[in-house]
């Protein structure tokens, strides 16, 4: 019997319980169903770490709760990014065209990796982690580029950080 054949009955036996748990946490059936899929994918990929003497359903609940927490953290980060981008867009929208040209010149003054990190994270709303993967840079480096790049832009444009 293959691993897949052994895993399928476990999914069938615990799927409803995991979905119900996540629905209670999320309050949104669609989100809970998406997270439940992630739970079973994570369980499949980390099946080797399951202790045979442990309760499988509790192990799944643990994965589900961590997936729920990660989803909430990601949503908070997304809301912060969207608020920042909206705030930045409002500033640019009420600014004159010269301000846009100044911003463009200031962006060109940044180093290429710094400019890429700022453009991805602040302008395009990409997470630091995704930007790090895209740019093939360590996460800390991307965060530093964004922080320093933003400060430099504000300084060059005569704003306080």
C-alpha atoms as a PDB file:
ATOM      1  CA  UNK A   1       0.000   0.000   0.000  1.00  0.00           C
ATOM      2  CA  UNK A   2       1.438   3.377  -1.032  1.00  0.00           C
ATOM      3  CA  UNK A   3       1.695   6.420   1.220  1.00  0.00           C
ATOM      4  CA  UNK A   4      -1.064   8.097  -0.764  1.00  0.00           C
ATOM      5  CA  UNK A   5      -3.371   5.115  -0.229  1.00  0.00           C
ATOM      6  CA  UNK A   6      -2.673   5.210   3.514  1.00  0.00           C
ATOM      7  CA  UNK A   7      -3.141   8.983   3.737  1.00  0.00           C
ATOM      8  CA  UNK A   8      -6.497   9.135   1.906  1.00  0.00           C
ATOM      9  CA  UNK A   9      -8.481   7.398   4.692  1.00  0.00           C
ATOM     10  CA  UNK A  10      -6.913   9.743   7.255  1.00  0.00           C
ATOM     11  CA  UNK A  11      -8.058  12.748   5.254  1.00  0.00           C
ATOM     12  CA  UNK A  12     -11.534  11.260   4.882  1.00  0.00           C
ATOM     13  CA  UNK A  13     -11.748  10.519   8.605  1.00  0.00           C
ATOM     14  CA  UNK A  14     -10.571  13.940   9.815  1.00  0.00           C
ATOM     15  CA  UNK A  15     -11.463  16.374   7.047  1.00  0.00           C
ATOM     16  CA  UNK A  16     -14.866  17.382   8.440  1.00  0.00           C
ATOM     17  CA  UNK A  17     -13.508  17.930  11.949  1.00  0.00           C
ATOM     18  CA  UNK A  18     -10.643  20.103  10.696  1.00  0.00           C
ATOM     19  CA  UNK A  19     -12.976  22.138   8.464  1.00  0.00           C
ATOM     20  CA  UNK A  20     -15.451  22.626  11.307  1.00  0.00           C
ATOM     21  CA  UNK A  21     -12.640  23.777  13.622  1.00  0.00           C
ATOM     22  CA  UNK A  22     -11.391  26.268  11.038  1.00  0.00           C
ATOM     23  CA  UNK A  23     -14.901  27.525  10.264  1.00  0.00           C
ATOM     24  CA  UNK A  24     -15.365  28.323  13.939  1.00  0.00           C
ATOM     25  CA  UNK A  25     -12.049  30.188  13.991  1.00  0.00           C
ATOM     26  CA  UNK A  26     -12.482  32.042  10.682  1.00  0.00           C
ATOM     27  CA  UNK A  27     -16.182  32.716  10.597  1.00  0.00           C
ATOM     28  CA  UNK A  28     -15.877  32.344   6.819  1.00  0.00           C
ATOM     29  CA  UNK A  29     -16.531  28.988   5.169  1.00  0.00           C
ATOM     30  CA  UNK A  30     -14.554  29.714   2.005  1.00  0.00           C
ATOM     31  CA  UNK A  31     -11.473  30.801   3.949  1.00  0.00           C
ATOM     32  CA  UNK A  32     -11.814  27.803   6.254  1.00  0.00           C
ATOM     33  CA  UNK A  33     -12.001  25.434   3.280  1.00  0.00           C
ATOM     34  CA  UNK A  34      -8.897  27.002   1.736  1.00  0.00           C
ATOM     35  CA  UNK A  35      -7.016  26.694   5.014  1.00  0.00           C
ATOM     36  CA  UNK A  36      -8.173  23.085   5.434  1.00  0.00           C
ATOM     37  CA  UNK A  37      -6.606  22.253   2.080  1.00  0.00           C
ATOM     38  CA  UNK A  38      -3.378  23.870   3.232  1.00  0.00           C
ATOM     39  CA  UNK A  39      -3.555  21.844   6.459  1.00  0.00           C
ATOM     40  CA  UNK A  40      -3.740  18.535   4.635  1.00  0.00           C
ATOM     41  CA  UNK A  41      -0.987  19.516   2.218  1.00  0.00           C
ATOM     42  CA  UNK A  42       1.199  20.485   5.183  1.00  0.00           C
ATOM     43  CA  UNK A  43       0.288  17.246   6.966  1.00  0.00           C
ATOM     44  CA  UNK A  44       1.175  15.228   3.873  1.00  0.00           C
ATOM     45  CA  UNK A  45       4.535  16.931   3.456  1.00  0.00           C
ATOM     46  CA  UNK A  46       5.447  16.657   7.135  1.00  0.00           C
ATOM     47  CA  UNK A  47       3.993  13.229   7.844  1.00  0.00           C
ATOM     48  CA  UNK A  48       7.462  12.016   8.829  1.00  0.00           C
ATOM     49  CA  UNK A  49       7.419  14.400  11.808  1.00  0.00           C
ATOM     50  CA  UNK A  50       4.220  12.886  13.206  1.00  0.00           C
ATOM     51  CA  UNK A  51       4.880  10.950  16.392  1.00  0.00           C
ATOM     52  CA  UNK A  52       3.150   7.576  16.104  1.00  0.00           C
ATOM     53  CA  UNK A  53       2.074   7.690  19.768  1.00  0.00           C
ATOM     54  CA  UNK A  54       0.305  11.074  19.317  1.00  0.00           C
ATOM     55  CA  UNK A  55      -3.322  11.708  18.436  1.00  0.00           C
ATOM     56  CA  UNK A  56      -3.502  12.350  14.677  1.00  0.00           C
ATOM     57  CA  UNK A  57      -6.542  14.623  14.929  1.00  0.00           C
ATOM     58  CA  UNK A  58      -4.843  16.800  17.571  1.00  0.00           C
ATOM     59  CA  UNK A  59      -1.770  17.003  15.357  1.00  0.00           C
ATOM     60  CA  UNK A  60      -3.990  18.185  12.495  1.00  0.00           C
ATOM     61  CA  UNK A  61      -5.674  20.727  14.783  1.00  0.00           C
ATOM     62  CA  UNK A  62      -2.237  22.079  15.676  1.00  0.00           C
ATOM     63  CA  UNK A  63      -1.358  22.493  12.016  1.00  0.00           C
ATOM     64  CA  UNK A  64      -4.764  24.079  11.388  1.00  0.00           C
ATOM     65  CA  UNK A  65      -4.328  26.589  14.200  1.00  0.00           C
ATOM     66  CA  UNK A  66      -0.865  27.578  12.972  1.00  0.00           C
ATOM     67  CA  UNK A  67      -2.224  27.993   9.434  1.00  0.00           C
ATOM     68  CA  UNK A  68      -5.043  30.155  10.837  1.00  0.00           C
ATOM     69  CA  UNK A  69      -2.583  32.324  12.775  1.00  0.00           C
ATOM     70  CA  UNK A  70      -0.352  32.721   9.705  1.00  0.00           C
ATOM     71  CA  UNK A  71      -3.396  33.697   7.661  1.00  0.00           C
ATOM     72  CA  UNK A  72      -4.333  36.371  10.209  1.00  0.00           C
ATOM     73  CA  UNK A  73      -0.784  37.750  10.311  1.00  0.00           C
ATOM     74  CA  UNK A  74      -0.706  37.891   6.520  1.00  0.00           C
ATOM     75  CA  UNK A  75      -4.066  39.685   6.467  1.00  0.00           C
ATOM     76  CA  UNK A  76      -2.805  42.278   8.977  1.00  0.00           C
ATOM     77  CA  UNK A  77       0.346  42.860   6.916  1.00  0.00           C
ATOM     78  CA  UNK A  78      -1.745  43.137   3.757  1.00  0.00           C
ATOM     79  CA  UNK A  79      -4.066  45.718   5.376  1.00  0.00           C
ATOM     80  CA  UNK A  80      -1.073  47.764   6.568  1.00  0.00           C
ATOM     81  CA  UNK A  81       0.500  47.662   3.107  1.00  0.00           C
ATOM     82  CA  UNK A  82      -2.768  48.606   1.432  1.00  0.00           C
ATOM     83  CA  UNK A  83      -3.284  51.487   3.865  1.00  0.00           C
ATOM     84  CA  UNK A  84       0.253  52.708   3.246  1.00  0.00           C
ATOM     85  CA  UNK A  85      -0.130  52.448  -0.524  1.00  0.00           C
ATOM     86  CA  UNK A  86      -3.514  54.211  -0.365  1.00  0.00           C
ATOM     87  CA  UNK A  87      -2.000  56.947   1.795  1.00  0.00           C
ATOM     88  CA  UNK A  88       0.938  57.295  -0.605  1.00  0.00           C
ATOM     89  CA  UNK A  89      -1.398  57.343  -3.604  1.00  0.00           C
ATOM     90  CA  UNK A  90      -3.480  60.100  -1.999  1.00  0.00           C
ATOM     91  CA  UNK A  91      -0.331  62.136  -1.438  1.00  0.00           C
ATOM     92  CA  UNK A  92       0.758  61.708  -5.045  1.00  0.00           C
ATOM     93  CA  UNK A  93      -2.777  62.368  -6.324  1.00  0.00           C
ATOM     94  CA  UNK A  94      -2.948  65.792  -4.652  1.00  0.00           C
ATOM     95  CA  UNK A  95       0.657  66.633  -5.495  1.00  0.00           C
ATOM     96  CA  UNK A  96       1.605  68.458  -8.648  1.00  0.00           C
ATOM     97  CA  UNK A  97       3.294  66.727 -11.597  1.00  0.00           C
ATOM     98  CA  UNK A  98       6.644  68.165 -10.501  1.00  0.00           C
ATOM     99  CA  UNK A  99       6.370  66.091  -7.318  1.00  0.00           C
ATOM    100  CA  UNK A 100       6.063  62.942  -9.407  1.00  0.00           C
ATOM    101  CA  UNK A 101       9.164  63.894 -11.354  1.00  0.00           C
ATOM    102  CA  UNK A 102      10.995  64.599  -8.094  1.00  0.00           C
ATOM    103  CA  UNK A 103       9.961  61.192  -6.790  1.00  0.00           C
ATOM    104  CA  UNK A 104      11.147  59.556  -9.983  1.00  0.00           C
ATOM    105  CA  UNK A 105      14.516  61.326  -9.710  1.00  0.00           C
ATOM    106  CA  UNK A 106      14.815  60.378  -6.059  1.00  0.00           C
ATOM    107  CA  UNK A 107      14.063  56.731  -6.890  1.00  0.00           C
ATOM    108  CA  UNK A 108      16.845  56.758  -9.470  1.00  0.00           C
ATOM    109  CA  UNK A 109      19.257  57.966  -6.798  1.00  0.00           C
ATOM    110  CA  UNK A 110      18.740  54.728  -4.842  1.00  0.00           C
ATOM    111  CA  UNK A 111      20.950  51.739  -5.546  1.00  0.00           C
ATOM    112  CA  UNK A 112      19.395  49.207  -7.897  1.00  0.00           C
ATOM    113  CA  UNK A 113      18.656  46.568  -5.211  1.00  0.00           C
ATOM    114  CA  UNK A 114      17.277  49.262  -2.895  1.00  0.00           C
ATOM    115  CA  UNK A 115      15.124  50.702  -5.677  1.00  0.00           C
ATOM    116  CA  UNK A 116      13.801  47.229  -6.546  1.00  0.00           C
ATOM    117  CA  UNK A 117      12.937  46.497  -2.897  1.00  0.00           C
ATOM    118  CA  UNK A 118      11.184  49.858  -2.466  1.00  0.00           C
ATOM    119  CA  UNK A 119       9.295  49.471  -5.749  1.00  0.00           C
ATOM    120  CA  UNK A 120       8.138  45.961  -4.856  1.00  0.00           C
ATOM    121  CA  UNK A 121       7.301  46.417  -1.188  1.00  0.00           C
ATOM    122  CA  UNK A 122       6.052  49.992  -1.006  1.00  0.00           C
ATOM    123  CA  UNK A 123       4.668  50.675  -4.462  1.00  0.00           C
ATOM    124  CA  UNK A 124       3.495  47.239  -5.583  1.00  0.00           C
ATOM    125  CA  UNK A 125       2.473  45.954  -2.143  1.00  0.00           C
ATOM    126  CA  UNK A 126       4.569  42.782  -2.303  1.00  0.00           C
ATOM    127  CA  UNK A 127       5.476  41.252   1.062  1.00  0.00           C
ATOM    128  CA  UNK A 128       9.077  41.449   2.261  1.00  0.00           C
ATOM    129  CA  UNK A 129       9.321  37.657   2.084  1.00  0.00           C
ATOM    130  CA  UNK A 130       8.084  37.507  -1.493  1.00  0.00           C
ATOM    131  CA  UNK A 131      10.368  40.382  -2.475  1.00  0.00           C
ATOM    132  CA  UNK A 132      13.313  38.555  -0.910  1.00  0.00           C
ATOM    133  CA  UNK A 133      12.514  35.475  -2.969  1.00  0.00           C
ATOM    134  CA  UNK A 134      12.046  37.497  -6.163  1.00  0.00           C
ATOM    135  CA  UNK A 135      15.261  39.454  -5.695  1.00  0.00           C
ATOM    136  CA  UNK A 136      17.219  36.458  -4.361  1.00  0.00           C
ATOM    137  CA  UNK A 137      18.231  38.471  -1.293  1.00  0.00           C
ATOM    138  CA  UNK A 138      18.055  37.625   2.408  1.00  0.00           C
ATOM    139  CA  UNK A 139      14.857  38.811   4.090  1.00  0.00           C
ATOM    140  CA  UNK A 140      16.767  41.118   6.447  1.00  0.00           C
ATOM    141  CA  UNK A 141      18.510  42.768   3.510  1.00  0.00           C
ATOM    142  CA  UNK A 142      15.187  43.463   1.793  1.00  0.00           C
ATOM    143  CA  UNK A 143      13.752  44.932   4.994  1.00  0.00           C
ATOM    144  CA  UNK A 144      16.821  47.138   5.385  1.00  0.00           C
ATOM    145  CA  UNK A 145      16.631  48.268   1.753  1.00  0.00           C
ATOM    146  CA  UNK A 146      12.970  49.214   2.174  1.00  0.00           C
ATOM    147  CA  UNK A 147      13.496  51.055   5.453  1.00  0.00           C
ATOM    148  CA  UNK A 148      16.595  52.934   4.318  1.00  0.00           C
ATOM    149  CA  UNK A 149      15.231  53.556   0.835  1.00  0.00           C
ATOM    150  CA  UNK A 150      12.014  55.032   2.210  1.00  0.00           C
ATOM    151  CA  UNK A 151      13.971  57.248   4.600  1.00  0.00           C
ATOM    152  CA  UNK A 152      16.243  58.416   1.784  1.00  0.00           C
ATOM    153  CA  UNK A 153      13.266  59.170  -0.462  1.00  0.00           C
ATOM    154  CA  UNK A 154      11.548  61.168   2.253  1.00  0.00           C
ATOM    155  CA  UNK A 155      14.766  63.034   2.943  1.00  0.00           C
ATOM    156  CA  UNK A 156      15.344  63.850  -0.726  1.00  0.00           C
ATOM    157  CA  UNK A 157      11.759  65.030  -1.078  1.00  0.00           C
ATOM    158  CA  UNK A 158      12.036  67.226   2.011  1.00  0.00           C
ATOM    159  CA  UNK A 159       9.701  65.116   4.178  1.00  0.00           C
ATOM    160  CA  UNK A 160      10.342  63.885   7.694  1.00  0.00           C
ATOM    161  CA  UNK A 161      10.612  60.076   8.055  1.00  0.00           C
END
